Amino acid sequence: MLKGYSSTSFLTPPSIATNFNTRYTHCKLQQAAAKLDVRLELSSAAAAKDRTSIEDVRSLRFITAVKTPYLPNGKFDLEAYDNLVSMQISNGAEGILVAGSTGEGQLMTWDEQIMLIAHTVNCFGDNVKVIGNAGSNCTREAINATERGFAVGMDAALHINPYYGKTSMEGLIAHYNSLLSIGPIIIYNVPSRSTQDIPPSVVENLAQNSNLVGVKECVGNERVKMYTSKGIVVWGVDRLSHEARWDCGAVGVQSVASNLVPCLIRELMFGGKNPLLNSKLMPLFDWLSLEPSPIALNTALAQLGVIKPVFRLPYVPLSMEQRVEFVNLVKEIGREHFVGDKDVRVLEDDEFIIVGRY
């Protein structure tokens, strides 16, 4: 049986280790909060001077959509988060996407989300470009999150199109134009999550705005090639990234798998066309898609011992059979290519902590 806990279950920390982690997290959050308060006082013009150029962001070949790890009470585990980001940077990642769908921004309050962006900028902004997810199906909230994200120093904002309620094509253009007036924006087109495609006619219209950095495109490589042939910058996603990069003109990838194998994703994006490596990674890409992201990634990182096996609901771990499959994949690809230094192992059901209140 999977364990279920609410935040009230951990009013008394069960161990010295948990005490340390909680104090560490509170300290780091207080530091980020202090920095956030200062940065939010900046005017938009002053904040813009601190940001990188749009061309710098357009040149990023290797961006990791980083996972957000948790403590047993469901709060951010910033020690584990910093370790994850550090491993990405040391293995060649040029950009970090914070609190995207992989980082579970959809399970955060806006304060948590902006705080995590601020923390990432403060700790790693000198070594990597920071892209903050500020997307919302409410234009007002998207504007507010974008302004706050730029105020704390992020280099660009990632924006999914309005989901659930959806809107017309004219509404899409108006939504994005209201955001493009603020600063550098990357459009995220993922119909499997938003249930609405952003068609080329809309993207081409928005590309006339100099603040459009580019598009993270999930529809397919024909779409990627169409955009790149017109000078629009595009990032691919894991399973399509090799062909997108080397055959269709994509600048690079915004990767989920790089949380696990950053050195191999870097090689895939920097080392020239390599169908052999791409084929080697395809079973991992497929495994990561067994359930909606980031369920498999969270399970994998826990089994590698890199994060605590904590899930915020509504996410729950993969099945035992799928967990065994991951261990076999690690052995086939080679443990040395994966993050962390512990032996990979199959976690039992009762080792996972599922948090409903966080």
Protein backbone atom coordinates (compact mmCIF):
# COMPACT_ATOMS: atom_id res chain seq x y z
CA MET A 1 0.00 0.00 0.00
CA LEU A 2 1.22 3.50 -0.80
CA LYS A 3 1.54 5.74 2.23
CA GLY A 4 -0.68 8.80 2.35
CA TYR A 5 0.16 11.82 4.45
CA SER A 6 -1.18 15.31 4.93
CA SER A 7 1.07 18.19 5.93
CA THR A 8 -0.25 17.88 9.48
CA SER A 9 1.24 14.39 9.73
CA PHE A 10 4.71 15.90 10.08
CA LEU A 11 4.23 18.58 12.72
CA THR A 12 6.87 16.72 14.74
CA PRO A 13 9.85 15.85 12.50
CA PRO A 14 10.64 12.15 12.81
CA SER A 15 14.44 12.37 12.65
CA ILE A 16 17.46 14.60 12.97
CA ALA A 17 17.91 14.34 9.21
CA THR A 18 14.43 15.65 8.61
CA ASN A 19 15.07 18.43 11.14
CA PHE A 20 18.17 19.43 9.23
CA ASN A 21 16.43 19.35 5.86
CA THR A 22 13.51 21.38 7.19
CA ARG A 23 15.82 24.00 8.71
CA TYR A 24 17.86 24.07 5.51
CA THR A 25 14.75 24.56 3.38
CA HIS A 26 13.37 27.28 5.65
CA CYS A 27 16.73 29.08 5.60
CA LYS A 28 16.99 28.91 1.82
CA LEU A 29 13.40 30.05 1.36
CA GLN A 30 13.98 32.98 3.71
CA GLN A 31 17.05 33.99 1.69
CA ALA A 32 15.07 33.74 -1.54
CA ALA A 33 12.17 35.63 0.00
CA ALA A 34 14.42 38.49 1.07
CA LYS A 35 15.91 38.67 -2.40
CA LEU A 36 12.45 38.47 -3.96
CA ASP A 37 11.21 41.42 -1.90
CA VAL A 38 14.12 43.54 -3.06
CA ARG A 39 13.89 42.58 -6.71
CA LEU A 40 10.14 43.16 -6.91
CA GLU A 41 10.75 46.80 -6.08
CA LEU A 42 12.64 47.25 -9.34
CA SER A 43 10.90 48.98 -12.20
CA SER A 44 10.38 47.04 -15.40
CA ALA A 45 13.04 49.13 -17.13
CA ALA A 46 15.63 48.49 -14.42
CA ALA A 47 14.87 44.78 -14.34
CA ALA A 48 15.27 44.58 -18.10
CA LYS A 49 18.87 45.78 -17.79
CA ASP A 50 19.68 42.74 -15.65
CA ARG A 51 18.35 40.25 -18.16
CA THR A 52 20.23 38.50 -20.89
CA SER A 53 19.68 39.37 -24.53
CA ILE A 54 16.99 37.57 -26.50
CA GLU A 55 19.64 36.29 -28.89
CA ASP A 56 21.43 34.60 -25.99
CA VAL A 57 18.28 32.68 -25.15
CA ARG A 58 17.62 31.85 -28.80
CA SER A 59 21.02 30.17 -29.01
CA LEU A 60 20.46 27.69 -26.16
CA ARG A 61 20.84 24.15 -27.45
CA PHE A 62 20.39 22.23 -24.22
CA ILE A 63 17.68 23.22 -21.74
CA THR A 64 16.56 20.94 -18.90
CA ALA A 65 12.98 21.14 -17.67
CA VAL A 66 14.07 20.44 -14.12
CA LYS A 67 12.14 18.37 -11.59
CA THR A 68 11.06 19.94 -8.29
CA PRO A 69 11.79 17.54 -5.39
CA TYR A 70 9.92 17.51 -2.09
CA LEU A 71 10.41 16.83 1.59
CA PRO A 72 8.10 14.31 3.32
CA ASN A 73 5.76 17.16 4.31
CA GLY A 74 5.36 18.13 0.65
CA LYS A 75 7.41 21.33 0.87
CA PHE A 76 10.28 22.02 -1.51
CA ASP A 77 13.46 20.07 -0.88
CA LEU A 78 15.84 22.85 -1.92
CA GLU A 79 18.93 20.86 -1.01
CA ALA A 80 17.94 18.14 -3.49
CA TYR A 81 16.82 20.77 -6.01
CA ASP A 82 20.17 22.55 -5.88
CA ASN A 83 21.91 19.21 -6.33
CA LEU A 84 19.78 18.43 -9.40
CA VAL A 85 20.47 21.82 -11.00
CA SER A 86 24.19 21.57 -10.21
CA MET A 87 24.36 18.18 -11.93
CA GLN A 88 22.68 19.66 -15.00
CA ILE A 89 25.13 22.56 -15.18
CA SER A 90 28.18 20.33 -14.64
CA ASN A 91 26.99 18.14 -17.51
CA GLY A 92 26.61 21.00 -19.96
CA ALA A 93 23.05 22.27 -19.64
CA GLU A 94 22.85 25.87 -20.88
CA GLY A 95 19.35 26.61 -19.62
CA ILE A 96 17.08 25.53 -16.77
CA LEU A 97 13.30 25.63 -17.15
CA VAL A 98 11.84 26.16 -13.68
CA ALA A 99 8.38 25.02 -12.56
CA GLY A 100 7.20 23.84 -15.96
CA SER A 101 4.91 20.85 -16.26
CA THR A 102 7.92 18.62 -15.48
CA GLY A 103 8.75 20.81 -12.48
CA GLU A 104 5.09 20.65 -11.40
CA GLY A 105 4.34 24.36 -11.54
CA GLN A 106 0.72 23.29 -11.93
CA LEU A 107 0.85 22.00 -8.33
CA MET A 108 2.34 25.20 -6.89
CA THR A 109 0.92 28.43 -5.61
CA TRP A 110 2.11 31.48 -7.53
CA ASP A 111 4.18 32.51 -4.52
CA GLU A 112 5.92 29.13 -4.50
CA GLN A 113 6.51 29.31 -8.22
CA ILE A 114 8.03 32.80 -8.23
CA MET A 115 10.06 31.95 -5.15
CA LEU A 116 11.59 28.92 -6.91
CA ILE A 117 12.43 31.02 -9.97
CA ALA A 118 14.04 33.63 -7.70
CA HIS A 119 15.99 30.95 -5.85
CA THR A 120 17.28 29.49 -9.13
CA VAL A 121 18.34 32.91 -10.41
CA ASN A 122 20.05 33.78 -7.12
CA CYS A 123 21.96 30.50 -6.85
CA PHE A 124 22.67 29.61 -10.49
CA GLY A 125 21.93 32.63 -12.66
CA ASP A 126 25.62 33.37 -13.26
CA ASN A 127 26.16 29.91 -14.75
CA VAL A 128 22.96 29.10 -16.62
CA LYS A 129 20.03 30.87 -18.27
CA VAL A 130 16.84 30.66 -16.24
CA ILE A 131 13.51 30.26 -18.01
CA GLY A 132 10.50 30.54 -15.72
CA ASN A 133 7.13 29.02 -16.41
CA ALA A 134 4.52 31.76 -16.07
CA GLY A 135 1.74 30.21 -18.12
CA SER A 136 -1.92 30.32 -17.12
CA ASN A 137 -5.35 29.98 -18.69
CA CYS A 138 -6.09 33.36 -17.11
CA THR A 139 -4.39 36.22 -18.94
CA ARG A 140 -4.39 38.40 -15.83
CA GLU A 141 -2.53 35.75 -13.84
CA ALA A 142 -0.12 35.11 -16.71
CA ILE A 143 0.70 38.82 -16.90
CA ASN A 144 1.24 39.06 -13.15
CA ALA A 145 3.45 35.95 -13.03
CA THR A 146 5.49 37.16 -16.00
CA GLU A 147 6.09 40.57 -14.44
CA ARG A 148 7.10 39.01 -11.13
CA GLY A 149 9.35 36.47 -12.85
CA PHE A 150 11.22 39.15 -14.75
CA ALA A 151 11.45 41.25 -11.60
CA VAL A 152 13.36 38.45 -9.87
CA GLY A 153 15.71 38.07 -12.84
CA MET A 154 14.56 35.23 -15.08
CA ASP A 155 15.86 35.43 -18.66
CA ALA A 156 12.66 34.41 -20.46
CA ALA A 157 9.14 33.21 -19.69
CA LEU A 158 7.57 30.01 -20.99
CA HIS A 159 3.86 30.25 -21.81
CA ILE A 160 1.43 27.49 -22.65
CA ASN A 161 -1.72 28.66 -24.44
CA PRO A 162 -4.89 29.09 -22.34
CA TYR A 163 -6.24 25.63 -21.54
CA TYR A 164 -9.56 24.09 -20.43
CA GLY A 165 -11.73 27.09 -21.31
CA LYS A 166 -9.65 27.66 -24.47
CA THR A 167 -10.27 30.62 -26.75
CA SER A 168 -10.48 31.70 -30.39
CA MET A 169 -7.48 32.28 -32.64
CA GLU A 170 -7.98 36.02 -32.20
CA GLY A 171 -8.04 35.46 -28.45
CA LEU A 172 -4.78 33.49 -28.61
CA ILE A 173 -3.07 36.34 -30.45
CA ALA A 174 -4.40 38.91 -27.99
CA HIS A 175 -3.35 36.77 -25.02
CA TYR A 176 0.21 36.36 -26.25
CA ASN A 177 0.56 39.98 -27.37
CA SER A 178 -0.31 41.11 -23.84
CA LEU A 179 2.60 38.98 -22.60
CA LEU A 180 5.04 39.89 -25.35
CA SER A 181 4.72 43.52 -24.32
CA ILE A 182 6.40 42.59 -21.02
CA GLY A 183 9.54 40.77 -22.14
CA PRO A 184 11.05 37.72 -23.88
CA ILE A 185 8.47 34.93 -24.26
CA ILE A 186 8.75 31.31 -25.43
CA ILE A 187 5.50 29.81 -26.70
CA TYR A 188 4.84 26.26 -25.53
CA ASN A 189 2.63 24.31 -27.92
CA VAL A 190 1.56 21.02 -26.35
CA PRO A 191 -1.99 20.11 -27.44
CA SER A 192 -1.93 16.92 -25.33
CA ARG A 193 -2.01 19.16 -22.24
CA SER A 194 -3.91 22.21 -23.47
CA THR A 195 -6.29 20.38 -25.88
CA GLN A 196 -5.79 23.22 -28.37
CA ASP A 197 -3.13 23.45 -31.05
CA ILE A 198 -1.45 26.79 -31.67
CA PRO A 199 -1.49 26.82 -35.48
CA PRO A 200 1.29 28.24 -37.65
CA SER A 201 -0.88 31.21 -38.63
CA VAL A 202 -0.91 32.36 -35.00
CA VAL A 203 2.80 31.76 -34.42
CA GLU A 204 3.76 33.55 -37.62
CA ASN A 205 1.63 36.51 -36.59
CA LEU A 206 3.27 36.65 -33.16
CA ALA A 207 6.76 36.22 -34.64
CA GLN A 208 6.52 39.80 -35.88
CA ASN A 209 7.02 40.86 -32.26
CA SER A 210 10.73 41.11 -31.38
CA ASN A 211 10.05 39.73 -27.89
CA LEU A 212 9.03 36.33 -29.24
CA VAL A 213 12.08 34.19 -28.45
CA GLY A 214 10.80 31.05 -30.13
CA VAL A 215 8.55 28.02 -29.79
CA LYS A 216 8.74 24.80 -27.83
CA GLU A 217 6.90 22.61 -30.33
CA CYS A 218 5.43 19.19 -29.51
CA VAL A 219 3.24 18.59 -32.57
CA GLY A 220 5.95 17.10 -34.78
CA ASN A 221 9.00 17.76 -36.88
CA GLU A 222 7.14 18.81 -40.02
CA ARG A 223 5.91 21.78 -37.99
CA VAL A 224 9.46 22.36 -36.69
CA LYS A 225 10.85 22.44 -40.22
CA MET A 226 8.11 24.81 -41.37
CA TYR A 227 9.01 27.29 -38.64
CA THR A 228 12.78 27.09 -38.97
CA SER A 229 12.52 27.61 -42.73
CA LYS A 230 10.91 30.98 -41.89
CA GLY A 231 13.55 31.94 -39.35
CA ILE A 232 11.51 31.12 -36.23
CA VAL A 233 13.55 29.56 -33.42
CA VAL A 234 12.25 26.17 -32.26
CA TRP A 235 13.12 23.72 -29.50
CA GLY A 236 12.18 20.08 -29.86
CA VAL A 237 11.18 17.57 -27.19
CA ASP A 238 13.00 14.38 -26.24
CA ARG A 239 11.65 11.73 -28.58
CA LEU A 240 11.75 14.04 -31.61
CA SER A 241 14.78 16.10 -30.63
CA HIS A 242 17.51 14.36 -32.64
CA GLU A 243 15.69 14.66 -35.96
CA ALA A 244 14.44 18.13 -35.04
CA ARG A 245 17.99 19.32 -34.31
CA TRP A 246 19.92 17.76 -37.16
CA ASP A 247 17.34 17.40 -39.95
CA CYS A 248 14.76 20.12 -39.31
CA GLY A 249 16.80 23.07 -38.07
CA ALA A 250 15.72 23.20 -34.41
CA VAL A 251 18.18 25.03 -32.19
CA GLY A 252 18.04 22.28 -29.57
CA VAL A 253 15.87 20.58 -26.96
CA GLN A 254 13.92 21.38 -23.81
CA SER A 255 14.40 17.99 -22.23
CA VAL A 256 12.81 15.88 -19.51
CA ALA A 257 15.20 12.93 -19.96
CA SER A 258 18.19 15.17 -19.24
CA ASN A 259 17.17 15.13 -15.57
CA LEU A 260 18.38 11.52 -15.72
CA VAL A 261 21.07 11.40 -18.43
CA PRO A 262 22.30 14.98 -19.00
CA CYS A 263 25.62 13.92 -20.48
CA LEU A 264 23.91 11.84 -23.18
CA ILE A 265 21.37 14.54 -24.05
CA ARG A 266 24.23 17.02 -24.36
CA GLU A 267 25.99 14.65 -26.75
CA LEU A 268 22.77 14.27 -28.74
CA MET A 269 22.50 18.06 -29.16
CA PHE A 270 26.17 19.03 -29.51
CA GLY A 271 27.94 16.03 -31.01
CA GLY A 272 26.50 15.98 -34.51
CA LYS A 273 24.04 13.56 -36.03
CA ASN A 274 24.14 10.33 -34.04
CA PRO A 275 21.33 7.88 -34.89
CA LEU A 276 23.01 5.15 -32.83
CA LEU A 277 22.84 7.19 -29.61
CA ASN A 278 19.31 8.32 -30.45
CA SER A 279 18.24 4.67 -30.85
CA LYS A 280 19.94 3.80 -27.56
CA LEU A 281 17.93 6.48 -25.76
CA MET A 282 14.58 5.75 -27.44
CA PRO A 283 13.51 3.08 -24.89
CA LEU A 284 14.13 5.60 -22.10
CA PHE A 285 12.15 8.30 -23.92
CA ASP A 286 9.30 5.83 -24.35
CA TRP A 287 9.44 4.74 -20.69
CA LEU A 288 9.24 8.36 -19.55
CA SER A 289 5.99 8.65 -21.53
CA LEU A 290 4.25 5.63 -20.00
CA GLU A 291 2.13 8.01 -17.92
CA PRO A 292 1.75 11.78 -18.12
CA SER A 293 4.99 13.56 -17.27
CA PRO A 294 6.47 13.88 -14.67
CA ILE A 295 5.16 10.66 -13.06
CA ALA A 296 7.83 8.39 -14.57
CA LEU A 297 10.61 10.94 -14.03
CA ASN A 298 9.72 11.33 -10.35
CA THR A 299 9.73 7.55 -9.94
CA ALA A 300 13.08 7.23 -11.72
CA LEU A 301 14.87 9.92 -9.71
CA ALA A 302 13.61 8.35 -6.48
CA GLN A 303 14.88 4.92 -7.54
CA LEU A 304 18.27 6.46 -8.36
CA GLY A 305 18.37 7.86 -4.82
CA VAL A 306 18.68 11.45 -6.06
CA ILE A 307 15.41 12.69 -4.54
CA LYS A 308 13.17 11.52 -1.73
CA PRO A 309 10.29 9.30 -2.92
CA VAL A 310 7.66 11.97 -2.27
CA PHE A 311 4.76 12.72 -4.62
CA ARG A 312 2.35 15.62 -4.47
CA LEU A 313 -1.12 14.44 -5.46
CA PRO A 314 -2.60 13.94 -7.97
CA TYR A 315 0.65 12.25 -9.06
CA VAL A 316 1.44 8.76 -7.80
CA PRO A 317 4.36 6.44 -8.65
CA LEU A 318 4.49 4.04 -11.54
CA SER A 319 3.55 0.42 -10.99
CA MET A 320 5.99 -2.17 -9.66
CA GLU A 321 6.33 -3.69 -13.12
CA GLN A 322 7.24 -0.32 -14.59
CA ARG A 323 9.68 0.38 -11.77
CA VAL A 324 11.46 -2.89 -12.50
CA GLU A 325 11.57 -1.93 -16.18
CA PHE A 326 13.41 1.29 -15.30
CA VAL A 327 16.09 -0.56 -13.34
CA ASN A 328 16.64 -2.79 -16.37
CA LEU A 329 16.91 0.29 -18.61
CA VAL A 330 19.58 1.76 -16.36
CA LYS A 331 21.59 -1.45 -16.62
CA GLU A 332 21.23 -1.53 -20.41
CA ILE A 333 22.21 2.11 -20.96
CA GLY A 334 24.84 2.10 -18.21
CA ARG A 335 24.56 3.38 -14.65
CA GLU A 336 27.52 5.70 -15.24
CA HIS A 337 25.41 7.80 -17.62
CA PHE A 338 22.71 8.51 -15.03
CA VAL A 339 22.74 11.18 -12.33
CA GLY A 340 23.59 10.36 -8.73
CA ASP A 341 26.07 7.99 -7.19
CA LYS A 342 23.84 5.42 -5.49
CA ASP A 343 22.89 2.05 -6.88
CA VAL A 344 19.58 2.06 -8.70
CA ARG A 345 16.98 -0.11 -7.00
CA VAL A 346 13.33 -1.02 -7.24
CA LEU A 347 11.41 0.83 -4.54
CA GLU A 348 8.59 -0.93 -2.74
CA ASP A 349 5.10 0.58 -2.60
CA ASP A 350 5.38 1.45 1.08
CA GLU A 351 8.58 3.45 0.51
CA PHE A 352 6.70 6.16 -1.38
CA ILE A 353 5.08 9.07 0.44
CA ILE A 354 1.99 10.56 -1.14
CA VAL A 355 1.08 14.05 0.06
CA GLY A 356 -2.41 15.44 -0.40
CA ARG A 357 -2.04 18.65 1.57
CA TYR A 358 1.08 20.68 0.92
